[in-house]
Amino acid sequence: MKLDDYTAKLSEYATPQELKTLGQAFLTILAAIALTTVFLMIVVPGLRSKAKPVVDVPTMGATGWLDPTEYPPTPGYDVPPIDPKTVLTPTPELQAQGQALFQTRCTSCHGATGQGDGPAGRTLNPIPRDLTRSQGWKNGPTLSGIFKTLSEGLPNTQMAP
């Protein structure tokens, strides 16, 4: 069959104006499919990678709180051993260091008095605990439990190590 034969057959079902409109609709649909395909192949993967939150968490090694990635060795420098009795016995110097650390790292959430009423703490869920009460310690109120909380933080909360 020749092209004229196909045109004659088509003219039995639709006028030339209707055929022209159908052809334009078909091309419009093809263009929409092509644009959608390009969008899905190029733009969407880029959007998915942009949606991932950027978390700046330092890489921790498996050695615990004396992690070599946290405290890289310095050539020619030895860290002197610490006697636990000197660290566990309160002195004015140690208390001053502790107060300075608490002021810089804890007061924004736990408040200046440790009652969990800091300005940033009001926006957190769960709210920061009241450090003046003995109940509510996730790892226990013992020295080792408090050390674990401070060195590891608390999972699923904003309590950072």
N, C-alpha and C. Protein backbone atom coordinates (compact mmCIF):
# COMPACT_ATOMS: atom_id res chain seq x y z
N MET A 1 0.82 -1.18 0.00
CA MET A 1 0.00 0.00 0.00
C MET A 1 0.87 1.24 0.00
N LYS A 2 0.37 2.22 -0.69
CA LYS A 2 1.09 3.48 -0.78
C LYS A 2 0.58 4.44 0.30
N LEU A 3 1.31 5.52 0.50
CA LEU A 3 0.94 6.53 1.49
C LEU A 3 -0.41 7.14 1.18
N ASP A 4 -0.69 7.33 -0.09
CA ASP A 4 -1.99 7.91 -0.47
C ASP A 4 -3.13 6.98 -0.06
N ASP A 5 -2.87 5.67 -0.14
CA ASP A 5 -3.91 4.72 0.26
C ASP A 5 -4.20 4.84 1.76
N TYR A 6 -3.15 5.02 2.58
CA TYR A 6 -3.36 5.18 4.01
C TYR A 6 -4.11 6.48 4.31
N THR A 7 -3.74 7.54 3.58
CA THR A 7 -4.42 8.82 3.77
C THR A 7 -5.89 8.70 3.40
N ALA A 8 -6.19 7.98 2.34
CA ALA A 8 -7.58 7.80 1.92
C ALA A 8 -8.35 7.01 2.97
N LYS A 9 -7.74 5.99 3.53
CA LYS A 9 -8.40 5.20 4.57
C LYS A 9 -8.66 6.05 5.81
N LEU A 10 -7.66 6.87 6.21
CA LEU A 10 -7.81 7.71 7.39
C LEU A 10 -8.88 8.77 7.19
N SER A 11 -9.01 9.27 5.96
CA SER A 11 -10.01 10.31 5.70
C SER A 11 -11.43 9.79 5.83
N GLU A 12 -11.61 8.46 5.82
CA GLU A 12 -12.92 7.88 6.06
C GLU A 12 -13.32 8.06 7.53
N TYR A 13 -12.33 8.11 8.45
CA TYR A 13 -12.61 8.17 9.89
C TYR A 13 -12.50 9.57 10.48
N ALA A 14 -11.67 10.42 9.90
CA ALA A 14 -11.46 11.75 10.46
C ALA A 14 -11.15 12.73 9.35
N THR A 15 -11.48 13.98 9.61
CA THR A 15 -11.19 15.04 8.64
C THR A 15 -9.71 15.41 8.76
N PRO A 16 -9.16 16.09 7.75
CA PRO A 16 -7.74 16.49 7.85
C PRO A 16 -7.47 17.39 9.06
N GLN A 17 -8.43 18.24 9.42
CA GLN A 17 -8.24 19.09 10.59
C GLN A 17 -8.16 18.25 11.88
N GLU A 18 -9.00 17.21 11.99
CA GLU A 18 -8.96 16.33 13.16
C GLU A 18 -7.66 15.54 13.21
N LEU A 19 -7.19 15.10 12.05
CA LEU A 19 -5.92 14.38 12.00
C LEU A 19 -4.76 15.28 12.43
N LYS A 20 -4.81 16.52 12.00
CA LYS A 20 -3.77 17.46 12.38
C LYS A 20 -3.80 17.69 13.89
N THR A 21 -4.97 17.83 14.46
CA THR A 21 -5.10 18.02 15.91
C THR A 21 -4.62 16.78 16.66
N LEU A 22 -4.96 15.59 16.17
CA LEU A 22 -4.49 14.36 16.80
C LEU A 22 -2.97 14.24 16.74
N GLY A 23 -2.39 14.61 15.61
CA GLY A 23 -0.93 14.58 15.47
C GLY A 23 -0.25 15.52 16.43
N GLN A 24 -0.82 16.74 16.57
CA GLN A 24 -0.24 17.70 17.51
C GLN A 24 -0.36 17.20 18.95
N ALA A 25 -1.49 16.59 19.29
CA ALA A 25 -1.67 16.05 20.64
C ALA A 25 -0.67 14.92 20.89
N PHE A 26 -0.48 14.07 19.90
CA PHE A 26 0.48 12.96 20.03
C PHE A 26 1.90 13.49 20.25
N LEU A 27 2.30 14.51 19.47
CA LEU A 27 3.63 15.09 19.64
C LEU A 27 3.77 15.79 20.98
N THR A 28 2.71 16.42 21.46
CA THR A 28 2.74 17.08 22.76
C THR A 28 2.94 16.05 23.87
N ILE A 29 2.24 14.92 23.77
CA ILE A 29 2.39 13.86 24.77
C ILE A 29 3.80 13.28 24.73
N LEU A 30 4.35 13.07 23.53
CA LEU A 30 5.72 12.57 23.41
C LEU A 30 6.73 13.54 24.03
N ALA A 31 6.53 14.85 23.79
CA ALA A 31 7.42 15.85 24.37
C ALA A 31 7.32 15.85 25.89
N ALA A 32 6.10 15.72 26.43
CA ALA A 32 5.93 15.68 27.89
C ALA A 32 6.61 14.45 28.48
N ILE A 33 6.49 13.31 27.81
CA ILE A 33 7.15 12.09 28.29
C ILE A 33 8.66 12.27 28.25
N ALA A 34 9.19 12.87 27.18
CA ALA A 34 10.63 13.08 27.07
C ALA A 34 11.13 14.02 28.16
N LEU A 35 10.41 15.12 28.42
CA LEU A 35 10.82 16.06 29.47
C LEU A 35 10.74 15.42 30.85
N THR A 36 9.71 14.63 31.09
CA THR A 36 9.59 13.93 32.37
C THR A 36 10.74 12.96 32.56
N THR A 37 11.09 12.25 31.50
CA THR A 37 12.21 11.30 31.59
C THR A 37 13.51 12.02 31.90
N VAL A 38 13.76 13.13 31.22
CA VAL A 38 14.98 13.90 31.47
C VAL A 38 14.98 14.41 32.91
N PHE A 39 13.84 14.91 33.38
CA PHE A 39 13.74 15.41 34.75
C PHE A 39 14.04 14.29 35.75
N LEU A 40 13.43 13.12 35.53
CA LEU A 40 13.62 12.02 36.46
C LEU A 40 15.05 11.48 36.45
N MET A 41 15.72 11.57 35.31
CA MET A 41 17.08 11.03 35.21
C MET A 41 18.15 12.01 35.68
N ILE A 42 17.90 13.30 35.55
CA ILE A 42 18.93 14.29 35.86
C ILE A 42 18.65 15.03 37.16
N VAL A 43 17.46 15.57 37.29
CA VAL A 43 17.18 16.46 38.42
C VAL A 43 16.90 15.70 39.71
N VAL A 44 16.09 14.66 39.68
CA VAL A 44 15.68 13.97 40.90
C VAL A 44 16.86 13.37 41.65
N PRO A 45 17.81 12.69 41.01
CA PRO A 45 18.94 12.18 41.81
C PRO A 45 19.73 13.29 42.50
N GLY A 46 19.84 14.44 41.86
CA GLY A 46 20.51 15.57 42.50
C GLY A 46 19.75 16.07 43.70
N LEU A 47 18.42 16.10 43.62
CA LEU A 47 17.60 16.53 44.74
C LEU A 47 17.70 15.55 45.89
N ARG A 48 17.77 14.26 45.58
CA ARG A 48 17.86 13.26 46.64
C ARG A 48 19.17 13.40 47.41
N SER A 49 20.27 13.71 46.71
CA SER A 49 21.53 13.85 47.42
C SER A 49 21.57 15.15 48.21
N LYS A 50 20.84 16.18 47.77
CA LYS A 50 20.78 17.44 48.50
C LYS A 50 19.95 17.30 49.77
N ALA A 51 18.98 16.38 49.78
CA ALA A 51 18.08 16.22 50.91
C ALA A 51 18.74 15.52 52.09
N LYS A 52 19.88 14.89 51.89
CA LYS A 52 20.55 14.20 52.98
C LYS A 52 21.14 15.24 53.93
N PRO A 53 20.88 15.10 55.23
CA PRO A 53 21.42 16.08 56.17
C PRO A 53 22.94 15.93 56.29
N VAL A 54 23.58 17.06 56.43
CA VAL A 54 25.02 17.07 56.61
C VAL A 54 25.30 16.98 58.10
N VAL A 55 25.91 15.92 58.52
CA VAL A 55 26.20 15.72 59.93
C VAL A 55 27.71 15.76 60.10
N ASP A 56 28.16 16.67 60.91
CA ASP A 56 29.58 16.82 61.15
C ASP A 56 29.93 16.12 62.46
N VAL A 57 30.10 14.82 62.38
CA VAL A 57 30.44 14.02 63.56
C VAL A 57 31.87 13.53 63.41
N PRO A 58 32.70 13.79 64.40
CA PRO A 58 34.07 13.31 64.28
C PRO A 58 34.12 11.80 64.28
N THR A 59 35.03 11.26 63.51
CA THR A 59 35.18 9.82 63.45
C THR A 59 35.85 9.34 64.72
N MET A 60 35.21 8.41 65.35
CA MET A 60 35.75 7.87 66.60
C MET A 60 36.33 6.50 66.33
N GLY A 61 37.42 6.19 66.98
CA GLY A 61 38.01 4.87 66.87
C GLY A 61 37.37 3.92 67.86
N ALA A 62 37.84 2.73 67.92
CA ALA A 62 37.25 1.71 68.78
C ALA A 62 37.93 1.66 70.15
N THR A 63 38.79 2.60 70.45
CA THR A 63 39.55 2.50 71.69
C THR A 63 38.88 3.22 72.85
N GLY A 64 37.80 3.94 72.63
CA GLY A 64 37.09 4.59 73.72
C GLY A 64 37.51 6.03 73.91
N TRP A 65 37.54 6.47 75.16
CA TRP A 65 37.75 7.89 75.43
C TRP A 65 39.17 8.36 75.21
N LEU A 66 40.13 7.47 75.15
CA LEU A 66 41.50 7.85 74.78
C LEU A 66 41.74 7.47 73.32
N ASP A 67 40.93 8.01 72.48
CA ASP A 67 40.93 7.68 71.07
C ASP A 67 42.10 8.37 70.37
N PRO A 68 42.96 7.63 69.66
CA PRO A 68 44.09 8.26 68.98
C PRO A 68 43.67 9.23 67.88
N THR A 69 42.46 9.09 67.34
CA THR A 69 42.02 10.07 66.33
C THR A 69 41.63 11.38 66.99
N GLU A 70 41.26 11.31 68.27
CA GLU A 70 40.88 12.52 68.98
C GLU A 70 42.11 13.24 69.54
N TYR A 71 43.08 12.47 69.99
CA TYR A 71 44.30 13.00 70.53
C TYR A 71 45.48 12.39 69.78
N PRO A 72 45.82 12.95 68.62
CA PRO A 72 46.90 12.35 67.84
C PRO A 72 48.24 12.48 68.59
N PRO A 73 49.07 11.47 68.46
CA PRO A 73 50.35 11.52 69.16
C PRO A 73 51.25 12.62 68.60
N THR A 74 51.95 13.27 69.49
CA THR A 74 52.87 14.32 69.11
C THR A 74 54.28 13.78 69.31
N PRO A 75 55.15 13.88 68.29
CA PRO A 75 56.51 13.36 68.45
C PRO A 75 57.23 14.07 69.59
N GLY A 76 57.90 13.27 70.42
CA GLY A 76 58.70 13.84 71.50
C GLY A 76 57.88 14.32 72.68
N TYR A 77 56.60 13.91 72.77
CA TYR A 77 55.77 14.37 73.86
C TYR A 77 55.14 13.17 74.54
N ASP A 78 55.36 13.02 75.82
CA ASP A 78 54.77 11.93 76.59
C ASP A 78 53.68 12.50 77.49
N VAL A 79 52.55 11.82 77.51
CA VAL A 79 51.49 12.21 78.41
C VAL A 79 51.76 11.56 79.75
N PRO A 80 51.91 12.35 80.80
CA PRO A 80 52.23 11.74 82.09
C PRO A 80 51.01 10.97 82.62
N PRO A 81 51.26 9.89 83.35
CA PRO A 81 50.14 9.15 83.92
C PRO A 81 49.42 9.99 84.97
N ILE A 82 48.14 9.69 85.16
CA ILE A 82 47.33 10.44 86.12
C ILE A 82 47.01 9.52 87.30
N ASP A 83 47.22 10.05 88.47
CA ASP A 83 46.86 9.31 89.67
C ASP A 83 45.37 9.58 89.95
N PRO A 84 44.51 8.55 89.95
CA PRO A 84 43.08 8.78 90.15
C PRO A 84 42.75 9.51 91.46
N LYS A 85 43.56 9.32 92.50
CA LYS A 85 43.28 9.99 93.77
C LYS A 85 43.36 11.50 93.63
N THR A 86 44.31 11.97 92.80
CA THR A 86 44.45 13.42 92.65
C THR A 86 43.30 14.00 91.82
N VAL A 87 42.78 13.23 90.89
CA VAL A 87 41.69 13.73 90.06
C VAL A 87 40.35 13.64 90.80
N LEU A 88 40.18 12.62 91.63
CA LEU A 88 38.92 12.41 92.33
C LEU A 88 38.82 13.22 93.62
N THR A 89 39.92 13.78 94.08
CA THR A 89 39.89 14.62 95.27
C THR A 89 39.66 16.06 94.83
N PRO A 90 38.55 16.68 95.28
CA PRO A 90 38.27 18.04 94.83
C PRO A 90 39.29 19.04 95.36
N THR A 91 39.80 19.84 94.47
CA THR A 91 40.69 20.94 94.83
C THR A 91 40.11 22.20 94.20
N PRO A 92 40.50 23.34 94.68
CA PRO A 92 39.98 24.58 94.06
C PRO A 92 40.31 24.68 92.57
N GLU A 93 41.49 24.18 92.17
CA GLU A 93 41.87 24.23 90.75
C GLU A 93 40.96 23.34 89.91
N LEU A 94 40.72 22.10 90.40
CA LEU A 94 39.85 21.18 89.65
C LEU A 94 38.42 21.70 89.60
N GLN A 95 37.95 22.27 90.70
CA GLN A 95 36.60 22.82 90.70
C GLN A 95 36.49 24.00 89.74
N ALA A 96 37.50 24.82 89.66
CA ALA A 96 37.49 25.95 88.73
C ALA A 96 37.47 25.44 87.29
N GLN A 97 38.26 24.39 87.01
CA GLN A 97 38.24 23.81 85.66
C GLN A 97 36.87 23.22 85.34
N GLY A 98 36.28 22.53 86.32
CA GLY A 98 34.95 21.95 86.12
C GLY A 98 33.90 23.01 85.89
N GLN A 99 33.95 24.10 86.65
CA GLN A 99 32.99 25.18 86.47
C GLN A 99 33.15 25.82 85.09
N ALA A 100 34.39 25.99 84.66
CA ALA A 100 34.62 26.59 83.34
C ALA A 100 34.08 25.68 82.24
N LEU A 101 34.32 24.36 82.35
CA LEU A 101 33.77 23.42 81.37
C LEU A 101 32.24 23.44 81.37
N PHE A 102 31.66 23.45 82.57
CA PHE A 102 30.19 23.47 82.66
C PHE A 102 29.63 24.75 82.02
N GLN A 103 30.26 25.87 82.27
CA GLN A 103 29.79 27.14 81.71
C GLN A 103 29.84 27.13 80.18
N THR A 104 30.91 26.58 79.61
CA THR A 104 31.05 26.63 78.15
C THR A 104 30.26 25.55 77.43
N ARG A 105 30.08 24.36 78.05
CA ARG A 105 29.50 23.25 77.32
C ARG A 105 28.11 22.82 77.80
N CYS A 106 27.69 23.21 78.99
CA CYS A 106 26.47 22.64 79.55
C CYS A 106 25.37 23.65 79.83
N THR A 107 25.70 24.90 80.13
CA THR A 107 24.69 25.85 80.58
C THR A 107 23.65 26.19 79.53
N SER A 108 24.00 26.09 78.25
CA SER A 108 23.00 26.45 77.23
C SER A 108 21.80 25.53 77.30
N CYS A 109 21.99 24.27 77.68
CA CYS A 109 20.86 23.33 77.78
C CYS A 109 20.42 23.12 79.22
N HIS A 110 21.38 22.89 80.13
CA HIS A 110 21.04 22.54 81.52
C HIS A 110 20.86 23.77 82.40
N GLY A 111 21.18 24.96 81.92
CA GLY A 111 21.02 26.17 82.71
C GLY A 111 22.21 26.42 83.61
N ALA A 112 22.29 27.64 84.13
CA ALA A 112 23.43 28.02 84.96
C ALA A 112 23.46 27.26 86.27
N THR A 113 22.30 26.84 86.77
CA THR A 113 22.25 26.11 88.04
C THR A 113 22.10 24.61 87.84
N GLY A 114 22.03 24.14 86.59
CA GLY A 114 21.93 22.71 86.31
C GLY A 114 20.53 22.14 86.43
N GLN A 115 19.52 22.98 86.43
CA GLN A 115 18.15 22.51 86.63
C GLN A 115 17.42 22.20 85.33
N GLY A 116 18.15 22.17 84.20
CA GLY A 116 17.54 21.83 82.91
C GLY A 116 16.74 22.96 82.32
N ASP A 117 17.01 24.19 82.73
CA ASP A 117 16.22 25.33 82.28
C ASP A 117 17.03 26.30 81.42
N GLY A 118 18.02 25.79 80.70
CA GLY A 118 18.83 26.65 79.83
C GLY A 118 18.03 27.11 78.62
N PRO A 119 18.47 28.18 77.95
CA PRO A 119 17.72 28.71 76.81
C PRO A 119 17.59 27.72 75.66
N ALA A 120 18.62 26.95 75.38
CA ALA A 120 18.54 25.97 74.30
C ALA A 120 17.75 24.74 74.74
N GLY A 121 17.72 24.46 76.03
CA GLY A 121 17.04 23.28 76.54
C GLY A 121 15.54 23.33 76.37
N ARG A 122 14.96 24.52 76.27
CA ARG A 122 13.51 24.64 76.12
C ARG A 122 13.03 24.12 74.77
N THR A 123 13.93 24.06 73.81
CA THR A 123 13.54 23.62 72.46
C THR A 123 13.81 22.14 72.22
N LEU A 124 14.43 21.46 73.18
CA LEU A 124 14.83 20.06 72.96
C LEU A 124 13.74 19.09 73.39
N ASN A 125 13.72 17.95 72.72
CA ASN A 125 12.81 16.87 73.09
C ASN A 125 13.60 15.58 73.08
N PRO A 126 13.86 14.93 74.17
CA PRO A 126 13.39 15.23 75.51
C PRO A 126 14.14 16.42 76.11
N ILE A 127 13.51 17.05 77.08
CA ILE A 127 14.13 18.22 77.71
C ILE A 127 15.35 17.76 78.52
N PRO A 128 16.33 18.62 78.72
CA PRO A 128 17.51 18.24 79.50
C PRO A 128 17.10 17.93 80.94
N ARG A 129 17.79 17.00 81.56
CA ARG A 129 17.44 16.59 82.92
C ARG A 129 17.91 17.62 83.93
N ASP A 130 17.27 17.60 85.06
CA ASP A 130 17.63 18.44 86.19
C ASP A 130 18.81 17.76 86.89
N LEU A 131 19.99 18.34 86.79
CA LEU A 131 21.20 17.74 87.36
C LEU A 131 21.23 17.83 88.88
N THR A 132 20.34 18.64 89.48
CA THR A 132 20.33 18.78 90.94
C THR A 132 19.55 17.66 91.61
N ARG A 133 18.81 16.86 90.84
CA ARG A 133 18.05 15.73 91.40
C ARG A 133 18.83 14.44 91.18
N SER A 134 18.69 13.49 92.11
CA SER A 134 19.43 12.24 91.99
C SER A 134 18.74 11.24 91.08
N GLN A 135 17.44 11.38 90.80
CA GLN A 135 16.75 10.46 89.92
C GLN A 135 16.87 10.91 88.46
N GLY A 136 16.73 9.92 87.57
CA GLY A 136 16.68 10.25 86.15
C GLY A 136 17.98 10.06 85.39
N TRP A 137 19.04 9.62 86.04
CA TRP A 137 20.29 9.40 85.32
C TRP A 137 20.14 8.15 84.46
N LYS A 138 20.34 8.27 83.16
CA LYS A 138 20.18 7.13 82.25
C LYS A 138 21.21 6.04 82.50
N ASN A 139 22.44 6.41 82.84
CA ASN A 139 23.49 5.44 83.11
C ASN A 139 23.77 5.29 84.60
N GLY A 140 22.89 5.84 85.42
CA GLY A 140 23.04 5.74 86.87
C GLY A 140 23.78 6.92 87.45
N PRO A 141 23.55 7.21 88.75
CA PRO A 141 24.18 8.38 89.38
C PRO A 141 25.58 8.09 89.92
N THR A 142 26.12 6.90 89.63
CA THR A 142 27.46 6.58 90.11
C THR A 142 28.50 7.36 89.30
N LEU A 143 29.70 7.40 89.81
CA LEU A 143 30.77 8.10 89.10
C LEU A 143 31.02 7.50 87.73
N SER A 144 30.99 6.16 87.64
CA SER A 144 31.20 5.52 86.33
C SER A 144 30.03 5.80 85.39
N GLY A 145 28.80 5.85 85.91
CA GLY A 145 27.64 6.15 85.06
C GLY A 145 27.68 7.58 84.53
N ILE A 146 28.04 8.51 85.40
CA ILE A 146 28.15 9.92 84.97
C ILE A 146 29.27 10.07 83.96
N PHE A 147 30.39 9.38 84.21
CA PHE A 147 31.51 9.44 83.26
C PHE A 147 31.07 8.90 81.90
N LYS A 148 30.33 7.77 81.91
CA LYS A 148 29.85 7.20 80.64
C LYS A 148 28.93 8.17 79.92
N THR A 149 28.03 8.82 80.64
CA THR A 149 27.13 9.79 80.02
C THR A 149 27.91 10.95 79.41
N LEU A 150 28.88 11.45 80.15
CA LEU A 150 29.65 12.60 79.65
C LEU A 150 30.58 12.22 78.50
N SER A 151 31.14 11.02 78.53
CA SER A 151 32.10 10.66 77.49
C SER A 151 31.44 10.11 76.24
N GLU A 152 30.27 9.46 76.37
CA GLU A 152 29.62 8.86 75.20
C GLU A 152 28.37 9.61 74.76
N GLY A 153 27.82 10.47 75.63
CA GLY A 153 26.56 11.12 75.31
C GLY A 153 25.42 10.13 75.49
N LEU A 154 24.21 10.55 75.10
CA LEU A 154 23.04 9.67 75.21
C LEU A 154 22.43 9.50 73.82
N PRO A 155 22.28 8.26 73.36
CA PRO A 155 21.69 8.06 72.03
C PRO A 155 20.23 8.51 71.99
N ASN A 156 19.80 8.96 70.83
CA ASN A 156 18.43 9.45 70.56
C ASN A 156 18.09 10.69 71.39
N THR A 157 19.09 11.41 71.84
CA THR A 157 18.87 12.69 72.52
C THR A 157 19.89 13.69 71.98
N GLN A 158 19.80 14.92 72.44
CA GLN A 158 20.76 15.94 72.04
C GLN A 158 21.97 15.99 72.97
N MET A 159 22.05 15.07 73.93
CA MET A 159 23.18 15.04 74.86
C MET A 159 24.40 14.50 74.12
N ALA A 160 25.28 15.42 73.78
CA ALA A 160 26.49 15.07 73.03
C ALA A 160 27.59 14.65 73.99
N PRO A 161 28.55 13.87 73.52
CA PRO A 161 29.65 13.48 74.40
C PRO A 161 30.54 14.68 74.74
